[in-house]
N, C-alpha and C. Protein backbone atom coordinates (compact mmCIF):
# COMPACT_ATOMS: atom_id res chain seq x y z
N MET A 1 1.05 -1.26 0.20
CA MET A 1 0.00 0.02 -0.01
C MET A 1 1.15 1.58 0.02
N ARG A 2 2.34 1.25 0.70
CA ARG A 2 3.09 2.25 0.22
C ARG A 2 3.34 2.85 -1.05
N ASP A 3 3.36 1.58 -1.94
CA ASP A 3 3.10 2.23 -3.28
C ASP A 3 2.59 2.57 -4.18
N LEU A 4 1.23 2.95 -3.43
CA LEU A 4 -0.32 3.31 -4.42
C LEU A 4 0.15 4.70 -5.10
N ASN A 5 -0.48 5.11 -5.86
CA ASN A 5 -0.07 6.49 -6.69
C ASN A 5 -1.41 7.13 -6.12
N ILE A 6 -0.77 8.21 -5.64
CA ILE A 6 -1.79 8.94 -4.96
C ILE A 6 -2.25 10.15 -5.82
N ASP A 7 -1.76 10.08 -6.95
CA ASP A 7 -2.45 11.05 -8.08
C ASP A 7 -3.70 10.29 -8.67
N LYS A 8 -3.88 9.15 -8.42
CA LYS A 8 -5.13 8.67 -9.23
C LYS A 8 -6.11 8.87 -8.74
N PHE A 9 -7.55 8.29 -9.44
CA PHE A 9 -8.86 8.55 -9.07
C PHE A 9 -8.76 7.86 -7.69
N MET A 10 -10.16 8.27 -6.96
CA MET A 10 -10.67 7.32 -5.89
C MET A 10 -11.69 6.53 -6.83
N GLY A 11 -12.10 5.48 -6.14
CA GLY A 11 -13.23 4.67 -6.53
C GLY A 11 -14.16 5.02 -6.48
N PRO A 12 -15.55 4.41 -6.49
CA PRO A 12 -16.86 4.39 -6.21
C PRO A 12 -16.86 4.46 -4.74
N ASN A 13 -16.29 3.94 -3.69
CA ASN A 13 -16.36 3.46 -2.74
C ASN A 13 -15.86 5.23 -1.73
N GLU A 14 -15.14 5.81 -2.66
CA GLU A 14 -14.63 7.07 -2.41
C GLU A 14 -13.83 7.19 -1.17
N MET A 15 -12.61 6.29 -1.19
CA MET A 15 -11.56 6.04 -0.46
C MET A 15 -10.32 6.08 -1.48
N HIS A 16 -9.94 7.55 -1.32
CA HIS A 16 -8.47 8.06 -1.56
C HIS A 16 -7.74 7.11 -1.21
N PRO A 17 -6.54 6.97 -2.85
CA PRO A 17 -5.24 6.17 -2.27
C PRO A 17 -4.53 6.90 -1.62
N ARG A 18 -4.72 8.31 -1.50
CA ARG A 18 -3.58 8.83 -0.07
C ARG A 18 -4.25 8.45 1.08
N VAL A 19 -5.51 8.16 1.51
CA VAL A 19 -5.82 7.81 2.63
C VAL A 19 -5.04 6.52 2.97
N LEU A 20 -5.17 5.45 2.00
CA LEU A 20 -4.79 4.38 2.58
C LEU A 20 -3.12 4.18 2.63
N ARG A 21 -2.46 5.01 1.62
CA ARG A 21 -1.41 5.23 1.54
C ARG A 21 -0.61 5.44 3.25
N THR A 22 -1.32 7.03 3.46
CA THR A 22 -1.00 7.77 4.80
C THR A 22 -1.20 6.24 6.09
N LEU A 23 -2.26 5.75 6.10
CA LEU A 23 -2.77 4.59 7.05
C LEU A 23 -2.53 3.28 6.73
N ALA A 24 -1.41 2.87 6.15
CA ALA A 24 -1.14 2.05 5.49
C ALA A 24 -0.80 0.93 6.81
N ASP A 25 -0.22 1.22 7.58
CA ASP A 25 0.34 0.90 9.17
C ASP A 25 -1.28 0.34 9.86
N VAL A 26 -2.36 1.22 9.59
CA VAL A 26 -3.38 0.50 10.41
C VAL A 26 -3.98 -0.05 9.85
N VAL A 27 -4.27 -0.09 8.47
CA VAL A 27 -5.43 -0.32 7.80
C VAL A 27 -5.06 -1.80 7.00
N ALA A 28 -3.47 -2.16 7.07
CA ALA A 28 -2.96 -2.87 6.28
C ALA A 28 -3.82 -4.62 7.00
N LYS A 29 -3.84 -4.73 8.17
CA LYS A 29 -3.97 -6.24 8.61
C LYS A 29 -5.80 -6.50 8.39
N PRO A 30 -6.68 -5.44 8.76
CA PRO A 30 -7.58 -5.54 8.73
C PRO A 30 -7.89 -5.72 7.08
N LEU A 31 -7.39 -5.40 5.99
CA LEU A 31 -7.63 -5.05 4.61
C LEU A 31 -6.98 -6.37 4.13
N SER A 32 -5.92 -6.89 4.53
CA SER A 32 -5.41 -8.52 4.48
C SER A 32 -6.54 -9.64 4.58
N LEU A 33 -7.38 -9.06 6.12
CA LEU A 33 -7.91 -10.35 6.27
C LEU A 33 -9.36 -10.30 5.28
N VAL A 34 -9.85 -9.28 4.80
CA VAL A 34 -11.00 -9.60 4.04
C VAL A 34 -10.37 -9.80 2.71
N LEU A 35 -9.31 -9.36 2.01
CA LEU A 35 -8.69 -9.89 0.85
C LEU A 35 -8.62 -11.44 0.91
N LYS A 36 -8.12 -11.89 1.78
CA LYS A 36 -8.04 -13.21 2.10
C LYS A 36 -9.18 -14.20 2.05
N LYS A 37 -9.88 -13.91 2.90
CA LYS A 37 -11.38 -14.46 2.85
C LYS A 37 -11.69 -14.36 1.64
N SER A 38 -11.72 -13.17 0.74
CA SER A 38 -12.48 -13.09 -0.72
C SER A 38 -11.78 -14.20 -1.49
N TRP A 39 -10.53 -14.21 -1.45
CA TRP A 39 -9.48 -15.30 -2.24
C TRP A 39 -10.00 -16.82 -1.64
N GLN A 40 -10.37 -16.88 -0.28
CA GLN A 40 -10.86 -18.59 0.14
C GLN A 40 -11.99 -18.70 -0.21
N THR A 41 -12.91 -17.61 -0.56
CA THR A 41 -14.52 -18.17 -0.74
C THR A 41 -14.78 -18.17 -2.21
N GLY A 42 -13.69 -17.21 -2.82
CA GLY A 42 -14.17 -16.86 -4.35
C GLY A 42 -15.18 -15.96 -4.52
N GLU A 43 -15.51 -15.24 -3.48
CA GLU A 43 -16.50 -14.26 -3.46
C GLU A 43 -16.06 -13.00 -3.33
N VAL A 44 -16.37 -11.86 -4.02
CA VAL A 44 -15.95 -10.62 -4.43
C VAL A 44 -17.06 -9.78 -3.42
N THR A 45 -16.28 -8.93 -2.38
CA THR A 45 -17.26 -7.73 -1.50
C THR A 45 -17.99 -6.85 -2.74
N VAL A 46 -19.08 -6.46 -2.06
CA VAL A 46 -19.89 -5.49 -2.93
C VAL A 46 -19.20 -4.11 -3.57
N ASP A 47 -18.36 -3.61 -2.59
CA ASP A 47 -17.25 -2.69 -3.42
C ASP A 47 -16.27 -3.09 -4.37
N GLY A 48 -16.12 -4.17 -4.31
CA GLY A 48 -15.15 -4.95 -5.11
C GLY A 48 -15.91 -5.20 -6.83
N LYS A 49 -17.09 -5.44 -6.79
CA LYS A 49 -17.86 -5.54 -7.95
C LYS A 49 -18.32 -4.08 -8.35
N LYS A 50 -18.55 -2.56 -7.65
CA LYS A 50 -18.87 -1.42 -7.95
C LYS A 50 -17.56 -1.17 -8.83
N GLY A 51 -18.20 -0.06 -9.92
CA GLY A 51 -16.97 0.64 -10.89
C GLY A 51 -18.00 1.54 -11.48
N SER A 52 -17.70 2.95 -11.92
CA SER A 52 -18.47 3.89 -12.54
C SER A 52 -17.53 4.24 -13.67
N ILE A 53 -18.25 4.54 -14.68
CA ILE A 53 -17.75 4.70 -15.61
C ILE A 53 -17.32 6.57 -15.94
N VAL A 54 -16.15 6.91 -16.20
CA VAL A 54 -16.29 8.34 -16.57
C VAL A 54 -15.51 8.78 -17.84
N PRO A 55 -15.50 9.63 -18.64
CA PRO A 55 -14.81 10.14 -19.54
C PRO A 55 -13.54 10.67 -18.95
N ALA A 56 -12.61 10.41 -19.81
CA ALA A 56 -11.25 11.11 -19.46
C ALA A 56 -10.55 11.39 -20.94
N PHE A 57 -10.17 12.65 -20.67
CA PHE A 57 -9.97 13.86 -21.85
C PHE A 57 -8.39 13.21 -22.50
N GLU A 58 -8.79 12.98 -23.44
CA GLU A 58 -7.37 12.44 -24.43
C GLU A 58 -6.81 13.01 -25.65
N LYS A 59 -7.40 13.94 -25.94
CA LYS A 59 -7.22 14.85 -27.29
C LYS A 59 -7.21 15.97 -27.07
N SER A 60 -6.97 16.70 -28.41
CA SER A 60 -6.92 18.09 -28.40
C SER A 60 -8.21 19.19 -28.29
N ARG A 61 -9.38 18.66 -28.65
CA ARG A 61 -10.43 19.68 -28.19
C ARG A 61 -11.51 19.35 -27.26
N LYS A 62 -11.20 19.51 -26.28
CA LYS A 62 -12.18 19.14 -25.31
C LYS A 62 -14.19 19.21 -25.68
N GLU A 63 -14.35 20.38 -26.18
CA GLU A 63 -15.72 20.41 -27.00
C GLU A 63 -16.06 19.22 -28.13
N ASP A 64 -15.13 18.44 -28.28
CA ASP A 64 -15.46 17.03 -29.34
C ASP A 64 -15.45 16.12 -28.29
N PRO A 65 -16.66 15.27 -28.45
CA PRO A 65 -16.98 14.11 -27.57
C PRO A 65 -16.00 12.84 -27.98
N GLY A 66 -15.36 12.99 -29.33
CA GLY A 66 -14.75 12.24 -29.45
C GLY A 66 -12.92 12.29 -29.14
N SER A 67 -12.67 13.33 -28.51
CA SER A 67 -11.72 13.64 -27.29
C SER A 67 -11.48 12.66 -25.98
N TYR A 68 -12.44 11.85 -25.56
CA TYR A 68 -12.76 11.17 -24.82
C TYR A 68 -12.81 9.99 -24.61
N GLN A 69 -12.30 9.13 -23.83
CA GLN A 69 -12.23 8.08 -24.17
C GLN A 69 -12.79 7.05 -22.35
N PRO A 70 -13.80 6.22 -22.47
CA PRO A 70 -14.42 5.82 -21.28
C PRO A 70 -13.46 5.21 -20.05
N VAL A 71 -13.58 5.56 -19.23
CA VAL A 71 -12.54 4.46 -17.99
C VAL A 71 -13.48 4.45 -16.86
N ARG A 72 -12.67 2.73 -16.39
CA ARG A 72 -13.67 2.65 -15.22
C ARG A 72 -13.08 2.64 -13.87
N LEU A 73 -13.51 3.39 -13.12
CA LEU A 73 -12.90 3.48 -11.87
C LEU A 73 -13.43 2.04 -11.13
N THR A 74 -12.52 1.74 -10.39
CA THR A 74 -12.56 0.87 -9.25
C THR A 74 -11.84 1.06 -8.13
N SER A 75 -12.61 0.17 -6.98
CA SER A 75 -12.06 0.79 -5.67
C SER A 75 -10.53 0.46 -5.41
N VAL A 76 -10.11 1.33 -4.73
CA VAL A 76 -8.51 1.02 -4.25
C VAL A 76 -8.24 -0.39 -3.84
N PRO A 77 -9.36 -0.94 -3.00
CA PRO A 77 -8.85 -2.08 -2.00
C PRO A 77 -9.08 -3.35 -3.43
N GLY A 78 -10.01 -3.15 -4.29
CA GLY A 78 -10.06 -4.03 -5.25
C GLY A 78 -8.85 -3.90 -6.41
N LYS A 79 -8.47 -2.98 -6.12
CA LYS A 79 -7.10 -2.63 -7.36
C LYS A 79 -5.89 -3.52 -6.41
N ILE A 80 -5.73 -3.55 -5.18
CA ILE A 80 -4.91 -3.77 -4.55
C ILE A 80 -5.00 -5.21 -4.80
N MET A 81 -6.43 -5.93 -4.64
CA MET A 81 -6.23 -7.19 -4.39
C MET A 81 -6.10 -7.45 -6.27
N GLU A 82 -6.33 -6.85 -7.09
CA GLU A 82 -5.93 -7.26 -8.88
C GLU A 82 -4.61 -7.21 -8.82
N GLN A 83 -3.83 -6.66 -8.04
CA GLN A 83 -2.29 -6.52 -8.04
C GLN A 83 -1.51 -7.55 -7.57
N ILE A 84 -2.07 -8.05 -6.38
CA ILE A 84 -1.83 -9.09 -5.67
C ILE A 84 -1.87 -10.46 -6.91
N LEU A 85 -3.11 -10.61 -7.14
CA LEU A 85 -3.31 -11.62 -8.25
C LEU A 85 -2.38 -11.80 -9.21
N VAL A 86 -2.17 -10.23 -10.07
CA VAL A 86 -1.23 -10.38 -11.18
C VAL A 86 0.19 -10.98 -10.49
N GLU A 87 0.59 -10.57 -9.30
CA GLU A 87 1.94 -10.87 -9.07
C GLU A 87 2.39 -12.46 -9.09
N ALA A 88 1.00 -13.31 -8.34
CA ALA A 88 0.82 -14.76 -7.72
C ALA A 88 0.71 -15.56 -8.95
N LEU A 89 0.15 -14.52 -10.27
CA LEU A 89 0.38 -15.26 -11.54
C LEU A 89 1.90 -15.31 -12.11
């Protein structure tokens, strides 16, 4: 959690990466228990399933709808779990 990019957007649960990074020592154990339980049961928490689609500007003219691409924001704990899975594979 100390490597979280604090410049990223927070997900639908409104938990900012800066909060998790700052409080890593406090939340690491409880979060690891939740993620471990999710791994063991094969079930994902409700927050882990939520996501929101937002437009992300990527080209030159902001008034042109084609200048945006859809980006799905997921929860920061969900991203942590994804990273753990990627490293395990």
